Structures are given as C-alpha cells and as structure tokens.
Amino acid sequence: MSEVQVRIEYSSLSAMSIDEQVFEELKVLGGGGSIVVGIGNILKGDDAAGVLVCQQLEGKTCAKLMDTGTVPENYIQPIIRKSPESLVVIDAIDFGAAAGTIKVFRPEQLSSIVISTHTLSPRLFVDMICQDIKVAVYFVGIQPGHTQLGEPMSEAVAEAVERLVYTIAKIFPAKE
C-alpha cells in the first residue's frame, strides 16, 4: 500500500501535506473531547518527535495537549480526571520501518516487538488509564532514525513531525 499525500493550503504557511493514511485512521475522532499526548526526550534526536508535535500543535487544534516528556506515567491521573473520549499518544517507536515513517497502532497491536525509548511501555501506560475510564486509544508512532543523546533530529523525522502536526490540526481544528 503506497502512502498518498494531498497538498492543502494552511493559513499563512506554505503548502503542506497531510499524512493521508493517518488522516483516514484518525478522522473518526474529530471533534472535542480528545487529548493528544506527546512523549519523548528533546535531548535525544528523533526521540523528541512526540513532544515536538504537541508543542507545534499549540493554538492549532481544539484537542487538549499534554507534553509528557519522558515520564508519561506522571500524567495517568490527570488524563483519567479529564476523562477524554479519545486519546492519541504520539511517540518515537521503533517498528522496523524507514526513519520518518508514521504508523497508527491500536493498543492491542503493541507488543514486545514495538520498542519505545521510555521506562514505562506505551501499552502499560494506556492499560493503566483504561482500567479507570472508557476511552478510544490510538498510538501514532514515528519511526526514529537515531536517538542518541545530543544528536539533532533527522530530516526524515522532522518532516514527519510537520506532516503529523498538519494532519492532527485538520482532524481536530482549532475553534474560532
């Protein structure tokens, strides 16, 4: 299956493309009641992807944003208290694809094959939330190229972050 990209004009920004596959999988979540969680370490190259998506979405979406850095477990109770309808968790996840590839996972698809760079596995993070509230959960993984301390973000992942920000802003547009 090839990835289809659509060119769309976005406010004062030059033409950008949405990630059509991600858009198709997440568009059912459009509307309010969603939280976008960004996970990552800004000091470790491509591992910063989830955090940067959240930062760049500020003011562009109606979804609530949570930049959890490297400790998503510290945000379990705040997420439960907000009781969202849907939860979109964005993280650099090694699923064996080319750097910058974006893939949507449902919690049941995550296994030991999918590697996160954080101490608490993404699956356990969501399982702990789902014990207390009913919420539709989607993981959006960005395949990292490198996650060494002090490395800059790769061009492929930076482009993926840009596409994902634009795509999520189209799914959860800011209220005017």
C-alpha atoms as a PDB file:
ATOM      1  CA  MET A   1       0.000   0.000   0.000  1.00  0.00           C
ATOM      2  CA  SER A   2       1.545   3.299  -1.007  1.00  0.00           C
ATOM      3  CA  GLU A   3       1.240   6.462   1.002  1.00  0.00           C
ATOM      4  CA  VAL A   4      -0.885   9.133  -0.645  1.00  0.00           C
ATOM      5  CA  GLN A   5      -0.229  12.750   0.148  1.00  0.00           C
ATOM      6  CA  VAL A   6      -2.624  15.600  -0.520  1.00  0.00           C
ATOM      7  CA  ARG A   7      -1.434  19.196  -0.893  1.00  0.00           C
ATOM      8  CA  ILE A   8      -3.570  21.698   1.053  1.00  0.00           C
ATOM      9  CA  GLU A   9      -3.074  25.382   1.865  1.00  0.00           C
ATOM     10  CA  TYR A  10      -2.865  26.066   5.620  1.00  0.00           C
ATOM     11  CA  SER A  11      -3.356  29.665   6.814  1.00  0.00           C
ATOM     12  CA  SER A  12      -0.177  31.673   6.289  1.00  0.00           C
ATOM     13  CA  LEU A  13       2.059  28.615   5.997  1.00  0.00           C
ATOM     14  CA  SER A  14       3.219  27.452   2.609  1.00  0.00           C
ATOM     15  CA  ALA A  15       1.519  24.401   1.134  1.00  0.00           C
ATOM     16  CA  MET A  16       1.970  21.367   3.367  1.00  0.00           C
ATOM     17  CA  SER A  17       0.809  17.811   3.035  1.00  0.00           C
ATOM     18  CA  ILE A  18      -1.287  15.756   5.375  1.00  0.00           C
ATOM     19  CA  ASP A  19      -0.458  12.153   6.039  1.00  0.00           C
ATOM     20  CA  GLU A  20      -3.427  10.582   4.268  1.00  0.00           C
ATOM     21  CA  GLN A  21      -3.148   7.175   5.971  1.00  0.00           C
ATOM     22  CA  VAL A  22      -3.047   8.752   9.447  1.00  0.00           C
ATOM     23  CA  PHE A  23      -5.891  11.092   8.493  1.00  0.00           C
ATOM     24  CA  GLU A  24      -8.069   8.164   7.380  1.00  0.00           C
ATOM     25  CA  GLU A  25      -7.405   6.187  10.568  1.00  0.00           C
ATOM     26  CA  LEU A  26      -7.934   9.096  12.985  1.00  0.00           C
ATOM     27  CA  LYS A  27     -10.638  11.206  11.311  1.00  0.00           C
ATOM     28  CA  VAL A  28     -13.328   9.291  13.223  1.00  0.00           C
ATOM     29  CA  LEU A  29     -12.022  11.032  16.360  1.00  0.00           C
ATOM     30  CA  GLY A  30     -12.654  14.567  15.070  1.00  0.00           C
ATOM     31  CA  GLY A  31     -14.388  16.929  17.425  1.00  0.00           C
ATOM     32  CA  GLY A  32     -13.933  17.764  21.065  1.00  0.00           C
ATOM     33  CA  GLY A  33     -13.156  15.532  23.979  1.00  0.00           C
ATOM     34  CA  SER A  34      -9.749  14.393  22.763  1.00  0.00           C
ATOM     35  CA  ILE A  35      -6.319  14.559  24.335  1.00  0.00           C
ATOM     36  CA  VAL A  36      -3.121  14.399  22.303  1.00  0.00           C
ATOM     37  CA  VAL A  37      -0.213  13.115  24.394  1.00  0.00           C
ATOM     38  CA  GLY A  38       3.333  13.762  23.212  1.00  0.00           C
ATOM     39  CA  ILE A  39       6.060  11.525  24.628  1.00  0.00           C
ATOM     40  CA  GLY A  40       9.791  11.984  24.102  1.00  0.00           C
ATOM     41  CA  ASN A  41      13.159  13.363  25.078  1.00  0.00           C
ATOM     42  CA  ILE A  42      14.236  16.569  23.330  1.00  0.00           C
ATOM     43  CA  LEU A  43      17.894  15.788  24.060  1.00  0.00           C
ATOM     44  CA  LYS A  44      17.875  12.517  22.104  1.00  0.00           C
ATOM     45  CA  GLY A  45      17.461  13.344  18.404  1.00  0.00           C
ATOM     46  CA  ASP A  46      14.425  11.693  16.849  1.00  0.00           C
ATOM     47  CA  ASP A  47      13.059  10.709  20.269  1.00  0.00           C
ATOM     48  CA  ALA A  48      11.779  14.306  20.533  1.00  0.00           C
ATOM     49  CA  ALA A  49       9.113  13.685  17.861  1.00  0.00           C
ATOM     50  CA  GLY A  50       6.079  13.279  20.151  1.00  0.00           C
ATOM     51  CA  VAL A  51       6.991  16.280  22.275  1.00  0.00           C
ATOM     52  CA  LEU A  52       7.574  18.471  19.220  1.00  0.00           C
ATOM     53  CA  VAL A  53       4.222  17.513  17.710  1.00  0.00           C
ATOM     54  CA  CYS A  54       2.478  18.679  20.909  1.00  0.00           C
ATOM     55  CA  GLN A  55       4.478  21.904  21.060  1.00  0.00           C
ATOM     56  CA  GLN A  56       3.795  22.731  17.415  1.00  0.00           C
ATOM     57  CA  LEU A  57       0.071  21.983  17.751  1.00  0.00           C
ATOM     58  CA  GLU A  58      -0.342  24.740  20.352  1.00  0.00           C
ATOM     59  CA  GLY A  59      -3.091  27.100  19.128  1.00  0.00           C
ATOM     60  CA  LYS A  60      -3.811  24.975  16.023  1.00  0.00           C
ATOM     61  CA  THR A  61      -6.181  22.381  17.496  1.00  0.00           C
ATOM     62  CA  CYS A  62      -9.226  22.003  19.729  1.00  0.00           C
ATOM     63  CA  ALA A  63      -7.744  18.851  21.278  1.00  0.00           C
ATOM     64  CA  LYS A  64      -6.197  19.177  24.712  1.00  0.00           C
ATOM     65  CA  LEU A  65      -2.425  18.778  24.561  1.00  0.00           C
ATOM     66  CA  MET A  66      -0.180  17.052  27.083  1.00  0.00           C
ATOM     67  CA  ASP A  67       3.577  17.157  26.618  1.00  0.00           C
ATOM     68  CA  THR A  68       4.595  14.375  28.997  1.00  0.00           C
ATOM     69  CA  GLY A  69       8.290  14.361  28.145  1.00  0.00           C
ATOM     70  CA  THR A  70       9.924  11.132  29.259  1.00  0.00           C
ATOM     71  CA  VAL A  71       7.525  10.448  32.145  1.00  0.00           C
ATOM     72  CA  PRO A  72       4.052   9.727  30.733  1.00  0.00           C
ATOM     73  CA  GLU A  73       3.243   7.767  33.883  1.00  0.00           C
ATOM     74  CA  ASN A  74       3.102  11.095  35.778  1.00  0.00           C
ATOM     75  CA  TYR A  75       0.102  12.079  33.618  1.00  0.00           C
ATOM     76  CA  ILE A  76      -2.060   8.994  34.115  1.00  0.00           C
ATOM     77  CA  GLN A  77      -4.223  10.530  36.859  1.00  0.00           C
ATOM     78  CA  PRO A  78      -4.632  13.935  35.100  1.00  0.00           C
ATOM     79  CA  ILE A  79      -5.795  12.086  31.963  1.00  0.00           C
ATOM     80  CA  ILE A  80      -8.221   9.960  33.992  1.00  0.00           C
ATOM     81  CA  ARG A  81      -9.612  13.102  35.692  1.00  0.00           C
ATOM     82  CA  LYS A  82     -10.215  14.759  32.292  1.00  0.00           C
ATOM     83  CA  SER A  83     -11.971  11.569  31.078  1.00  0.00           C
ATOM     84  CA  PRO A  84     -11.484  12.186  27.350  1.00  0.00           C
ATOM     85  CA  GLU A  85     -13.479  10.425  24.643  1.00  0.00           C
ATOM     86  CA  SER A  86     -10.282   9.673  22.769  1.00  0.00           C
ATOM     87  CA  LEU A  87      -6.572   9.620  23.479  1.00  0.00           C
ATOM     88  CA  VAL A  88      -3.933   9.987  20.759  1.00  0.00           C
ATOM     89  CA  VAL A  89      -0.464   9.064  22.034  1.00  0.00           C
ATOM     90  CA  ILE A  90       2.447  10.202  19.853  1.00  0.00           C
ATOM     91  CA  ASP A  91       5.910   8.755  20.383  1.00  0.00           C
ATOM     92  CA  ALA A  92       9.047   7.713  18.548  1.00  0.00           C
ATOM     93  CA  ILE A  93       8.520   3.969  18.248  1.00  0.00           C
ATOM     94  CA  ASP A  94      10.843   1.511  16.576  1.00  0.00           C
ATOM     95  CA  PHE A  95       8.650  -0.695  14.416  1.00  0.00           C
ATOM     96  CA  GLY A  96      11.343  -1.532  11.868  1.00  0.00           C
ATOM     97  CA  ALA A  97      10.411   0.918   9.094  1.00  0.00           C
ATOM     98  CA  ALA A  98      12.363   3.701   7.385  1.00  0.00           C
ATOM     99  CA  ALA A  99      13.084   6.754   9.557  1.00  0.00           C
ATOM    100  CA  GLY A 100      10.184   9.208   9.466  1.00  0.00           C
ATOM    101  CA  THR A 101       7.530   6.590   8.692  1.00  0.00           C
ATOM    102  CA  ILE A 102       4.310   7.277  10.578  1.00  0.00           C
ATOM    103  CA  LYS A 103       2.092   4.400  11.662  1.00  0.00           C
ATOM    104  CA  VAL A 104      -1.101   4.260  13.719  1.00  0.00           C
ATOM    105  CA  PHE A 105      -1.424   1.425  16.227  1.00  0.00           C
ATOM    106  CA  ARG A 106      -4.309   0.329  18.390  1.00  0.00           C
ATOM    107  CA  PRO A 107      -3.260  -0.780  21.908  1.00  0.00           C
ATOM    108  CA  GLU A 108      -3.818  -4.449  21.125  1.00  0.00           C
ATOM    109  CA  GLN A 109      -1.319  -4.169  18.242  1.00  0.00           C
ATOM    110  CA  LEU A 110       1.503  -3.140  20.539  1.00  0.00           C
ATOM    111  CA  SER A 111       3.721  -5.959  21.652  1.00  0.00           C
ATOM    112  CA  SER A 112       7.275  -6.566  22.664  1.00  0.00           C
ATOM    113  CA  ILE A 113       8.252  -6.052  19.013  1.00  0.00           C
ATOM    114  CA  VAL A 114       7.341  -2.359  19.250  1.00  0.00           C
ATOM    115  CA  ILE A 115      10.087  -0.624  21.195  1.00  0.00           C
ATOM    116  CA  SER A 116       9.671   2.707  22.961  1.00  0.00           C
ATOM    117  CA  THR A 117      12.622   4.537  24.469  1.00  0.00           C
ATOM    118  CA  HIS A 118      10.872   5.136  27.798  1.00  0.00           C
ATOM    119  CA  THR A 119      10.781   3.186  31.019  1.00  0.00           C
ATOM    120  CA  LEU A 120       7.027   2.601  31.033  1.00  0.00           C
ATOM    121  CA  SER A 121       5.856   0.774  27.916  1.00  0.00           C
ATOM    122  CA  PRO A 122       3.218   2.598  25.864  1.00  0.00           C
ATOM    123  CA  ARG A 123       0.873  -0.382  26.250  1.00  0.00           C
ATOM    124  CA  LEU A 124       1.139  -0.391  30.054  1.00  0.00           C
ATOM    125  CA  PHE A 125       0.603   3.397  30.114  1.00  0.00           C
ATOM    126  CA  VAL A 126      -2.698   3.020  28.278  1.00  0.00           C
ATOM    127  CA  ASP A 127      -3.763  -0.122  30.103  1.00  0.00           C
ATOM    128  CA  MET A 128      -3.484   1.776  33.398  1.00  0.00           C
ATOM    129  CA  ILE A 129      -5.704   4.572  32.041  1.00  0.00           C
ATOM    130  CA  CYS A 130      -8.254   2.164  30.558  1.00  0.00           C
ATOM    131  CA  GLN A 131      -8.691   0.422  33.920  1.00  0.00           C
ATOM    132  CA  ASP A 132     -10.431   3.571  35.181  1.00  0.00           C
ATOM    133  CA  ILE A 133     -12.113   5.146  32.142  1.00  0.00           C
ATOM    134  CA  LYS A 134     -13.535   4.109  28.791  1.00  0.00           C
ATOM    135  CA  VAL A 135     -11.523   5.865  26.086  1.00  0.00           C
ATOM    136  CA  ALA A 136     -10.681   5.188  22.436  1.00  0.00           C
ATOM    137  CA  VAL A 137      -6.885   4.986  22.253  1.00  0.00           C
ATOM    138  CA  TYR A 138      -4.655   5.362  19.226  1.00  0.00           C
ATOM    139  CA  PHE A 139      -0.855   5.309  19.210  1.00  0.00           C
ATOM    140  CA  VAL A 140       0.849   7.258  16.483  1.00  0.00           C
ATOM    141  CA  GLY A 141       4.392   6.014  16.121  1.00  0.00           C
ATOM    142  CA  ILE A 142       7.094   7.860  14.235  1.00  0.00           C
ATOM    143  CA  GLN A 143       9.980   5.594  13.279  1.00  0.00           C
ATOM    144  CA  PRO A 144      13.182   7.156  14.639  1.00  0.00           C
ATOM    145  CA  GLY A 145      16.468   7.069  12.782  1.00  0.00           C
ATOM    146  CA  HIS A 146      18.650   7.807  15.789  1.00  0.00           C
ATOM    147  CA  THR A 147      18.017   8.534  19.460  1.00  0.00           C
ATOM    148  CA  GLN A 148      21.489   9.114  20.839  1.00  0.00           C
ATOM    149  CA  LEU A 149      21.952  11.808  23.457  1.00  0.00           C
ATOM    150  CA  GLY A 150      22.986  15.128  21.910  1.00  0.00           C
ATOM    151  CA  GLU A 151      22.115  14.167  18.321  1.00  0.00           C
ATOM    152  CA  PRO A 152      19.950  16.547  16.259  1.00  0.00           C
ATOM    153  CA  MET A 153      16.643  15.363  14.841  1.00  0.00           C
ATOM    154  CA  SER A 154      16.944  13.716  11.436  1.00  0.00           C
ATOM    155  CA  GLU A 155      15.437  15.433   8.408  1.00  0.00           C
ATOM    156  CA  ALA A 156      13.074  12.491   7.798  1.00  0.00           C
ATOM    157  CA  VAL A 157      11.620  12.680  11.310  1.00  0.00           C
ATOM    158  CA  ALA A 158      11.406  16.499  11.232  1.00  0.00           C
ATOM    159  CA  GLU A 159       9.337  16.205   8.036  1.00  0.00           C
ATOM    160  CA  ALA A 160       7.154  13.533   9.660  1.00  0.00           C
ATOM    161  CA  VAL A 161       6.554  15.832  12.652  1.00  0.00           C
ATOM    162  CA  GLU A 162       5.483  18.620  10.292  1.00  0.00           C
ATOM    163  CA  ARG A 163       3.093  16.315   8.390  1.00  0.00           C
ATOM    164  CA  LEU A 164       1.640  14.960  11.616  1.00  0.00           C
ATOM    165  CA  VAL A 165       1.073  18.421  13.109  1.00  0.00           C
ATOM    166  CA  TYR A 166      -0.765  19.463   9.975  1.00  0.00           C
ATOM    167  CA  THR A 167      -2.790  16.235   9.860  1.00  0.00           C
ATOM    168  CA  ILE A 168      -3.879  16.432  13.504  1.00  0.00           C
ATOM    169  CA  ALA A 169      -4.783  20.118  13.085  1.00  0.00           C
ATOM    170  CA  LYS A 170      -7.078  19.074  10.210  1.00  0.00           C
ATOM    171  CA  ILE A 171      -8.711  16.327  12.294  1.00  0.00           C
ATOM    172  CA  PHE A 172      -9.119  18.494  15.417  1.00  0.00           C
ATOM    173  CA  PRO A 173      -9.342  22.051  14.047  1.00  0.00           C
ATOM    174  CA  ALA A 174      -8.975  24.960  16.467  1.00  0.00           C
ATOM    175  CA  LYS A 175     -12.228  26.609  17.447  1.00  0.00           C
ATOM    176  CA  GLU A 176     -12.542  30.155  16.203  1.00  0.00           C
END
